Amino acid sequence: GLSIAIAIARTGGRCRVLGRTVPGAASAASAGLL
């Protein structure tokens, strides 16, 4: 979601991110493998 917001902003758009971190959210829990 944050990556989308930044990409929209970089193309000149405006956006609003709606969310709240909850237990188990995958972004912070992964190992970051590429």
PDB file of all heavy atoms in Angstrom:
ATOM      1  N   GLY A   1       0.805  -1.212   0.000  1.00  0.00           N
ATOM      2  CA  GLY A   1       0.000   0.000   0.000  1.00  0.00           C
ATOM      3  C   GLY A   1       0.841   1.266   0.000  1.00  0.00           C
ATOM      4  O   GLY A   1       0.553   2.224  -0.735  1.00  0.00           O
ATOM      5  N   LEU A   2       1.888   1.296   0.820  1.00  0.00           N
ATOM      6  CA  LEU A   2       2.767   2.470   0.871  1.00  0.00           C
ATOM      7  C   LEU A   2       3.519   2.657  -0.442  1.00  0.00           C
ATOM      8  O   LEU A   2       3.714   3.796  -0.902  1.00  0.00           O
ATOM      9  CB  LEU A   2       3.742   2.332   2.030  1.00  0.00           C
ATOM     10  CG  LEU A   2       3.122   2.285   3.439  1.00  0.00           C
ATOM     11  CD1 LEU A   2       4.203   2.031   4.491  1.00  0.00           C
ATOM     12  CD2 LEU A   2       2.368   3.573   3.752  1.00  0.00           C
ATOM     13  N   SER A   3       3.946   1.557  -1.063  1.00  0.00           N
ATOM     14  CA  SER A   3       4.645   1.645  -2.350  1.00  0.00           C
ATOM     15  C   SER A   3       3.734   2.220  -3.424  1.00  0.00           C
ATOM     16  O   SER A   3       4.168   3.010  -4.269  1.00  0.00           O
ATOM     17  CB  SER A   3       5.154   0.265  -2.776  1.00  0.00           C
ATOM     18  OG  SER A   3       6.049  -0.269  -1.832  1.00  0.00           O
ATOM     19  N   ILE A   4       2.471   1.834  -3.389  1.00  0.00           N
ATOM     20  CA  ILE A   4       1.499   2.375  -4.346  1.00  0.00           C
ATOM     21  C   ILE A   4       1.326   3.877  -4.128  1.00  0.00           C
ATOM     22  O   ILE A   4       1.314   4.662  -5.085  1.00  0.00           O
ATOM     23  CB  ILE A   4       0.157   1.647  -4.198  1.00  0.00           C
ATOM     24  CG1 ILE A   4       0.290   0.197  -4.679  1.00  0.00           C
ATOM     25  CG2 ILE A   4      -0.945   2.368  -4.977  1.00  0.00           C
ATOM     26  CD1 ILE A   4      -0.894  -0.682  -4.320  1.00  0.00           C
ATOM     27  N   ALA A   5       1.193   4.283  -2.872  1.00  0.00           N
ATOM     28  CA  ALA A   5       1.020   5.705  -2.571  1.00  0.00           C
ATOM     29  C   ALA A   5       2.187   6.525  -3.092  1.00  0.00           C
ATOM     30  O   ALA A   5       1.999   7.590  -3.709  1.00  0.00           O
ATOM     31  CB  ALA A   5       0.861   5.897  -1.061  1.00  0.00           C
ATOM     32  N   ILE A   6       3.392   6.053  -2.869  1.00  0.00           N
ATOM     33  CA  ILE A   6       4.579   6.789  -3.310  1.00  0.00           C
ATOM     34  C   ILE A   6       4.639   6.848  -4.832  1.00  0.00           C
ATOM     35  O   ILE A   6       4.972   7.891  -5.421  1.00  0.00           O
ATOM     36  CB  ILE A   6       5.841   6.140  -2.715  1.00  0.00           C
ATOM     37  CG1 ILE A   6       5.869   6.393  -1.204  1.00  0.00           C
ATOM     38  CG2 ILE A   6       7.099   6.676  -3.383  1.00  0.00           C
ATOM     39  CD1 ILE A   6       6.871   5.547  -0.467  1.00  0.00           C
ATOM     40  N   ALA A   7       4.300   5.736  -5.495  1.00  0.00           N
ATOM     41  CA  ALA A   7       4.316   5.732  -6.955  1.00  0.00           C
ATOM     42  C   ALA A   7       3.285   6.707  -7.523  1.00  0.00           C
ATOM     43  O   ALA A   7       3.550   7.403  -8.509  1.00  0.00           O
ATOM     44  CB  ALA A   7       4.053   4.315  -7.470  1.00  0.00           C
ATOM     45  N   ILE A   8       2.114   6.761  -6.905  1.00  0.00           N
ATOM     46  CA  ILE A   8       1.082   7.709  -7.360  1.00  0.00           C
ATOM     47  C   ILE A   8       1.580   9.145  -7.181  1.00  0.00           C
ATOM     48  O   ILE A   8       1.426   9.992  -8.073  1.00  0.00           O
ATOM     49  CB  ILE A   8      -0.227   7.481  -6.596  1.00  0.00           C
ATOM     50  CG1 ILE A   8      -0.866   6.153  -7.024  1.00  0.00           C
ATOM     51  CG2 ILE A   8      -1.209   8.636  -6.825  1.00  0.00           C
ATOM     52  CD1 ILE A   8      -2.058   5.740  -6.177  1.00  0.00           C
ATOM     53  N   ALA A   9       2.171   9.427  -6.028  1.00  0.00           N
ATOM     54  CA  ALA A   9       2.688  10.772  -5.777  1.00  0.00           C
ATOM     55  C   ALA A   9       3.779  11.151  -6.777  1.00  0.00           C
ATOM     56  O   ALA A   9       3.838  12.301  -7.235  1.00  0.00           O
ATOM     57  CB  ALA A   9       3.219  10.866  -4.348  1.00  0.00           C
ATOM     58  N   ARG A  10       4.624  10.197  -7.138  1.00  0.00           N
ATOM     59  CA  ARG A  10       5.724  10.490  -8.070  1.00  0.00           C
ATOM     60  C   ARG A  10       5.215  10.747  -9.481  1.00  0.00           C
ATOM     61  O   ARG A  10       5.946  11.331 -10.295  1.00  0.00           O
ATOM     62  CB  ARG A  10       6.732   9.343  -8.056  1.00  0.00           C
ATOM     63  CG  ARG A  10       7.470   9.205  -6.726  1.00  0.00           C
ATOM     64  CD  ARG A  10       8.516   8.107  -6.766  1.00  0.00           C
ATOM     65  NE  ARG A  10       9.683   8.509  -7.539  1.00  0.00           N
ATOM     66  CZ  ARG A  10      10.740   7.722  -7.748  1.00  0.00           C
ATOM     67  NH1 ARG A  10      10.760   6.488  -7.240  1.00  0.00           N
ATOM     68  NH2 ARG A  10      11.778   8.147  -8.444  1.00  0.00           N
ATOM     69  N   THR A  11       3.984  10.309  -9.783  1.00  0.00           N
ATOM     70  CA  THR A  11       3.406  10.610 -11.091  1.00  0.00           C
ATOM     71  C   THR A  11       2.503  11.841 -11.045  1.00  0.00           C
ATOM     72  O   THR A  11       1.816  12.141 -12.027  1.00  0.00           O
ATOM     73  CB  THR A  11       2.591   9.403 -11.618  1.00  0.00           C
ATOM     74  OG1 THR A  11       1.549   9.082 -10.688  1.00  0.00           O
ATOM     75  CG2 THR A  11       3.485   8.192 -11.809  1.00  0.00           C
ATOM     76  N   GLY A  12       2.502  12.533  -9.914  1.00  0.00           N
ATOM     77  CA  GLY A  12       1.751  13.780  -9.806  1.00  0.00           C
ATOM     78  C   GLY A  12       0.362  13.654  -9.222  1.00  0.00           C
ATOM     79  O   GLY A  12      -0.385  14.632  -9.189  1.00  0.00           O
ATOM     80  N   GLY A  13      -0.012  12.477  -8.736  1.00  0.00           N
ATOM     81  CA  GLY A  13      -1.339  12.286  -8.172  1.00  0.00           C
ATOM     82  C   GLY A  13      -1.388  12.547  -6.675  1.00  0.00           C
ATOM     83  O   GLY A  13      -0.356  12.665  -6.010  1.00  0.00           O
ATOM     84  N   ARG A  14      -2.591  12.645  -6.153  1.00  0.00           N
ATOM     85  CA  ARG A  14      -2.814  12.805  -4.712  1.00  0.00           C
ATOM     86  C   ARG A  14      -3.530  11.560  -4.200  1.00  0.00           C
ATOM     87  O   ARG A  14      -4.401  11.009  -4.881  1.00  0.00           O
ATOM     88  CB  ARG A  14      -3.668  14.041  -4.421  1.00  0.00           C
ATOM     89  CG  ARG A  14      -3.012  15.359  -4.806  1.00  0.00           C
ATOM     90  CD  ARG A  14      -3.965  16.521  -4.524  1.00  0.00           C
ATOM     91  NE  ARG A  14      -4.293  16.607  -3.104  1.00  0.00           N
ATOM     92  CZ  ARG A  14      -3.601  17.327  -2.218  1.00  0.00           C
ATOM     93  NH1 ARG A  14      -2.547  18.015  -2.620  1.00  0.00           N
ATOM     94  NH2 ARG A  14      -3.969  17.375  -0.963  1.00  0.00           N
ATOM     95  N   CYS A  15      -3.171  11.134  -2.987  1.00  0.00           N
ATOM     96  CA  CYS A  15      -3.814   9.936  -2.453  1.00  0.00           C
ATOM     97  C   CYS A  15      -3.870   9.997  -0.933  1.00  0.00           C
ATOM     98  O   CYS A  15      -3.206  10.823  -0.293  1.00  0.00           O
ATOM     99  CB  CYS A  15      -3.085   8.671  -2.918  1.00  0.00           C
ATOM    100  SG  CYS A  15      -1.344   8.600  -2.487  1.00  0.00           S
ATOM    101  N   ARG A  16      -4.676   9.101  -0.393  1.00  0.00           N
ATOM    102  CA  ARG A  16      -4.843   9.003   1.056  1.00  0.00           C
ATOM    103  C   ARG A  16      -4.725   7.529   1.445  1.00  0.00           C
ATOM    104  O   ARG A  16      -5.466   6.680   0.932  1.00  0.00           O
ATOM    105  CB  ARG A  16      -6.200   9.575   1.467  1.00  0.00           C
ATOM    106  CG  ARG A  16      -6.448   9.604   2.969  1.00  0.00           C
ATOM    107  CD  ARG A  16      -7.750  10.364   3.261  1.00  0.00           C
ATOM    108  NE  ARG A  16      -7.632  11.755   2.826  1.00  0.00           N
ATOM    109  CZ  ARG A  16      -8.642  12.489   2.388  1.00  0.00           C
ATOM    110  NH1 ARG A  16      -9.868  11.970   2.329  1.00  0.00           N
ATOM    111  NH2 ARG A  16      -8.463  13.739   2.013  1.00  0.00           N
ATOM    112  N   VAL A  17      -3.791   7.235   2.329  1.00  0.00           N
ATOM    113  CA  VAL A  17      -3.574   5.867   2.797  1.00  0.00           C
ATOM    114  C   VAL A  17      -4.400   5.651   4.056  1.00  0.00           C
ATOM    115  O   VAL A  17      -4.335   6.443   4.999  1.00  0.00           O
ATOM    116  CB  VAL A  17      -2.085   5.605   3.088  1.00  0.00           C
ATOM    117  CG1 VAL A  17      -1.876   4.187   3.605  1.00  0.00           C
ATOM    118  CG2 VAL A  17      -1.241   5.846   1.841  1.00  0.00           C
ATOM    119  N   LEU A  18      -5.171   4.567   4.062  1.00  0.00           N
ATOM    120  CA  LEU A  18      -6.027   4.240   5.193  1.00  0.00           C
ATOM    121  C   LEU A  18      -5.581   2.896   5.767  1.00  0.00           C
ATOM    122  O   LEU A  18      -5.564   1.885   5.057  1.00  0.00           O
ATOM    123  CB  LEU A  18      -7.493   4.137   4.758  1.00  0.00           C
ATOM    124  CG  LEU A  18      -8.031   5.288   3.903  1.00  0.00           C
ATOM    125  CD1 LEU A  18      -9.420   4.947   3.378  1.00  0.00           C
ATOM    126  CD2 LEU A  18      -8.068   6.584   4.693  1.00  0.00           C
ATOM    127  N   GLY A  19      -5.213   2.878   7.029  1.00  0.00           N
ATOM    128  CA  GLY A  19      -4.790   1.601   7.597  1.00  0.00           C
ATOM    129  C   GLY A  19      -4.288   1.726   9.009  1.00  0.00           C
ATOM    130  O   GLY A  19      -4.024   2.823   9.505  1.00  0.00           O
ATOM    131  N   ARG A  20      -4.150   0.561   9.626  1.00  0.00           N
ATOM    132  CA  ARG A  20      -3.635   0.491  10.984  1.00  0.00           C
ATOM    133  C   ARG A  20      -2.882  -0.820  11.127  1.00  0.00           C
ATOM    134  O   ARG A  20      -3.388  -1.883  10.738  1.00  0.00           O
ATOM    135  CB  ARG A  20      -4.787   0.536  11.994  1.00  0.00           C
ATOM    136  CG  ARG A  20      -4.341   0.543  13.446  1.00  0.00           C
ATOM    137  CD  ARG A  20      -5.544   0.461  14.368  1.00  0.00           C
ATOM    138  NE  ARG A  20      -6.198  -0.835  14.290  1.00  0.00           N
ATOM    139  CZ  ARG A  20      -7.429  -1.078  14.720  1.00  0.00           C
ATOM    140  NH1 ARG A  20      -8.167  -0.091  15.197  1.00  0.00           N
ATOM    141  NH2 ARG A  20      -7.950  -2.291  14.638  1.00  0.00           N
ATOM    142  N   THR A  21      -1.670  -0.764  11.642  1.00  0.00           N
ATOM    143  CA  THR A  21      -0.872  -1.972  11.814  1.00  0.00           C
ATOM    144  C   THR A  21      -1.545  -2.904  12.815  1.00  0.00           C
ATOM    145  O   THR A  21      -1.944  -2.490  13.903  1.00  0.00           O
ATOM    146  CB  THR A  21       0.543  -1.618  12.308  1.00  0.00           C
ATOM    147  OG1 THR A  21       1.158  -0.744  11.352  1.00  0.00           O
ATOM    148  CG2 THR A  21       1.386  -2.868  12.457  1.00  0.00           C
ATOM    149  N   VAL A  22      -1.665  -4.164  12.423  1.00  0.00           N
ATOM    150  CA  VAL A  22      -2.306  -5.168  13.279  1.00  0.00           C
ATOM    151  C   VAL A  22      -1.359  -6.347  13.451  1.00  0.00           C
ATOM    152  O   VAL A  22      -0.475  -6.583  12.619  1.00  0.00           O
ATOM    153  CB  VAL A  22      -3.643  -5.640  12.668  1.00  0.00           C
ATOM    154  CG1 VAL A  22      -4.655  -4.518  12.648  1.00  0.00           C
ATOM    155  CG2 VAL A  22      -3.434  -6.203  11.262  1.00  0.00           C
ATOM    156  N   PRO A  23      -1.514  -7.108  14.538  1.00  0.00           N
ATOM    157  CA  PRO A  23      -0.663  -8.289  14.739  1.00  0.00           C
ATOM    158  C   PRO A  23      -0.777  -9.258  13.565  1.00  0.00           C
ATOM    159  O   PRO A  23      -1.865  -9.535  13.071  1.00  0.00           O
ATOM    160  CB  PRO A  23      -1.227  -8.910  16.032  1.00  0.00           C
ATOM    161  CG  PRO A  23      -1.886  -7.772  16.746  1.00  0.00           C
ATOM    162  CD  PRO A  23      -2.436  -6.891  15.674  1.00  0.00           C
ATOM    163  N   GLY A  24       0.377  -9.740  13.120  1.00  0.00           N
ATOM    164  CA  GLY A  24       0.394 -10.693  12.018  1.00  0.00           C
ATOM    165  C   GLY A  24       0.557 -10.072  10.653  1.00  0.00           C
ATOM    166  O   GLY A  24       0.643 -10.799   9.658  1.00  0.00           O
ATOM    167  N   ALA A  25       0.585  -8.742  10.552  1.00  0.00           N
ATOM    168  CA  ALA A  25       0.771  -8.104   9.249  1.00  0.00           C
ATOM    169  C   ALA A  25       2.068  -8.595   8.624  1.00  0.00           C
ATOM    170  O   ALA A  25       3.127  -8.611   9.259  1.00  0.00           O
ATOM    171  CB  ALA A  25       0.779  -6.589   9.402  1.00  0.00           C
ATOM    172  N   ALA A  26       1.996  -9.000   7.357  1.00  0.00           N
ATOM    173  CA  ALA A  26       3.111  -9.708   6.737  1.00  0.00           C
ATOM    174  C   ALA A  26       4.329  -8.828   6.477  1.00  0.00           C
ATOM    175  O   ALA A  26       5.462  -9.318   6.474  1.00  0.00           O
ATOM    176  CB  ALA A  26       2.647 -10.343   5.426  1.00  0.00           C
ATOM    177  N   SER A  27       4.139  -7.531   6.237  1.00  0.00           N
ATOM    178  CA  SER A  27       5.256  -6.681   5.820  1.00  0.00           C
ATOM    179  C   SER A  27       6.409  -6.696   6.814  1.00  0.00           C
ATOM    180  O   SER A  27       7.575  -6.798   6.439  1.00  0.00           O
ATOM    181  CB  SER A  27       4.772  -5.245   5.614  1.00  0.00           C
ATOM    182  OG  SER A  27       3.910  -5.150   4.507  1.00  0.00           O
ATOM    183  N   ALA A  28       6.085  -6.592   8.105  1.00  0.00           N
ATOM    184  CA  ALA A  28       7.130  -6.567   9.124  1.00  0.00           C
ATOM    185  C   ALA A  28       7.574  -7.956   9.542  1.00  0.00           C
ATOM    186  O   ALA A  28       8.613  -8.110  10.195  1.00  0.00           O
ATOM    187  CB  ALA A  28       6.639  -5.803  10.352  1.00  0.00           C
ATOM    188  N   ALA A  29       6.811  -8.980   9.169  1.00  0.00           N
ATOM    189  CA  ALA A  29       7.081 -10.335   9.668  1.00  0.00           C
ATOM    190  C   ALA A  29       7.909 -11.178   8.709  1.00  0.00           C
ATOM    191  O   ALA A  29       8.355 -12.262   9.079  1.00  0.00           O
ATOM    192  CB  ALA A  29       5.758 -11.047   9.948  1.00  0.00           C
ATOM    193  N   SER A  30       8.125 -10.716   7.493  1.00  0.00           N
ATOM    194  CA  SER A  30       8.809 -11.546   6.507  1.00  0.00           C
ATOM    195  C   SER A  30      10.320 -11.490   6.704  1.00  0.00           C
ATOM    196  O   SER A  30      10.836 -10.781   7.566  1.00  0.00           O
ATOM    197  CB  SER A  30       8.455 -11.079   5.094  1.00  0.00           C
ATOM    198  OG  SER A  30       9.231  -9.963   4.718  1.00  0.00           O
ATOM    199  N   ALA A  31      11.037 -12.237   5.869  1.00  0.00           N
ATOM    200  CA  ALA A  31      12.497 -12.222   5.907  1.00  0.00           C
ATOM    201  C   ALA A  31      13.079 -11.339   4.818  1.00  0.00           C
ATOM    202  O   ALA A  31      14.298 -11.181   4.726  1.00  0.00           O
ATOM    203  CB  ALA A  31      13.046 -13.645   5.766  1.00  0.00           C
ATOM    204  N   GLY A  32      12.223 -10.760   3.954  1.00  0.00           N
ATOM    205  CA  GLY A  32      12.703  -9.839   2.930  1.00  0.00           C
ATOM    206  C   GLY A  32      13.392 -10.489   1.752  1.00  0.00           C
ATOM    207  O   GLY A  32      14.172  -9.838   1.051  1.00  0.00           O
ATOM    208  N   LEU A  33      13.105 -11.768   1.486  1.00  0.00           N
ATOM    209  CA  LEU A  33      13.764 -12.444   0.369  1.00  0.00           C
ATOM    210  C   LEU A  33      13.356 -11.840  -0.972  1.00  0.00           C
ATOM    211  O   LEU A  33      12.176 -11.558  -1.207  1.00  0.00           O
ATOM    212  CB  LEU A  33      13.425 -13.933   0.375  1.00  0.00           C
ATOM    213  CG  LEU A  33      14.121 -14.783   1.440  1.00  0.00           C
ATOM    214  CD1 LEU A  33      13.543 -16.194   1.432  1.00  0.00           C
ATOM    215  CD2 LEU A  33      15.618 -14.821   1.222  1.00  0.00           C
ATOM    216  N   LEU A  34      14.332 -11.663  -1.841  1.00  0.00           N
ATOM    217  CA  LEU A  34      14.102 -11.262  -3.232  1.00  0.00           C
ATOM    218  C   LEU A  34      14.547 -12.449  -4.072  1.00  0.00           C
ATOM    219  O   LEU A  34      15.681 -12.505  -4.543  1.00  0.00           O
ATOM    220  CB  LEU A  34      14.898 -10.001  -3.576  1.00  0.00           C
ATOM    221  CG  LEU A  34      14.682  -8.796  -2.649  1.00  0.00           C
ATOM    222  CD1 LEU A  34      15.573  -7.638  -3.067  1.00  0.00           C
ATOM    223  CD2 LEU A  34      13.221  -8.378  -2.615  1.00  0.00           C
TER     224      LEU A  34
END
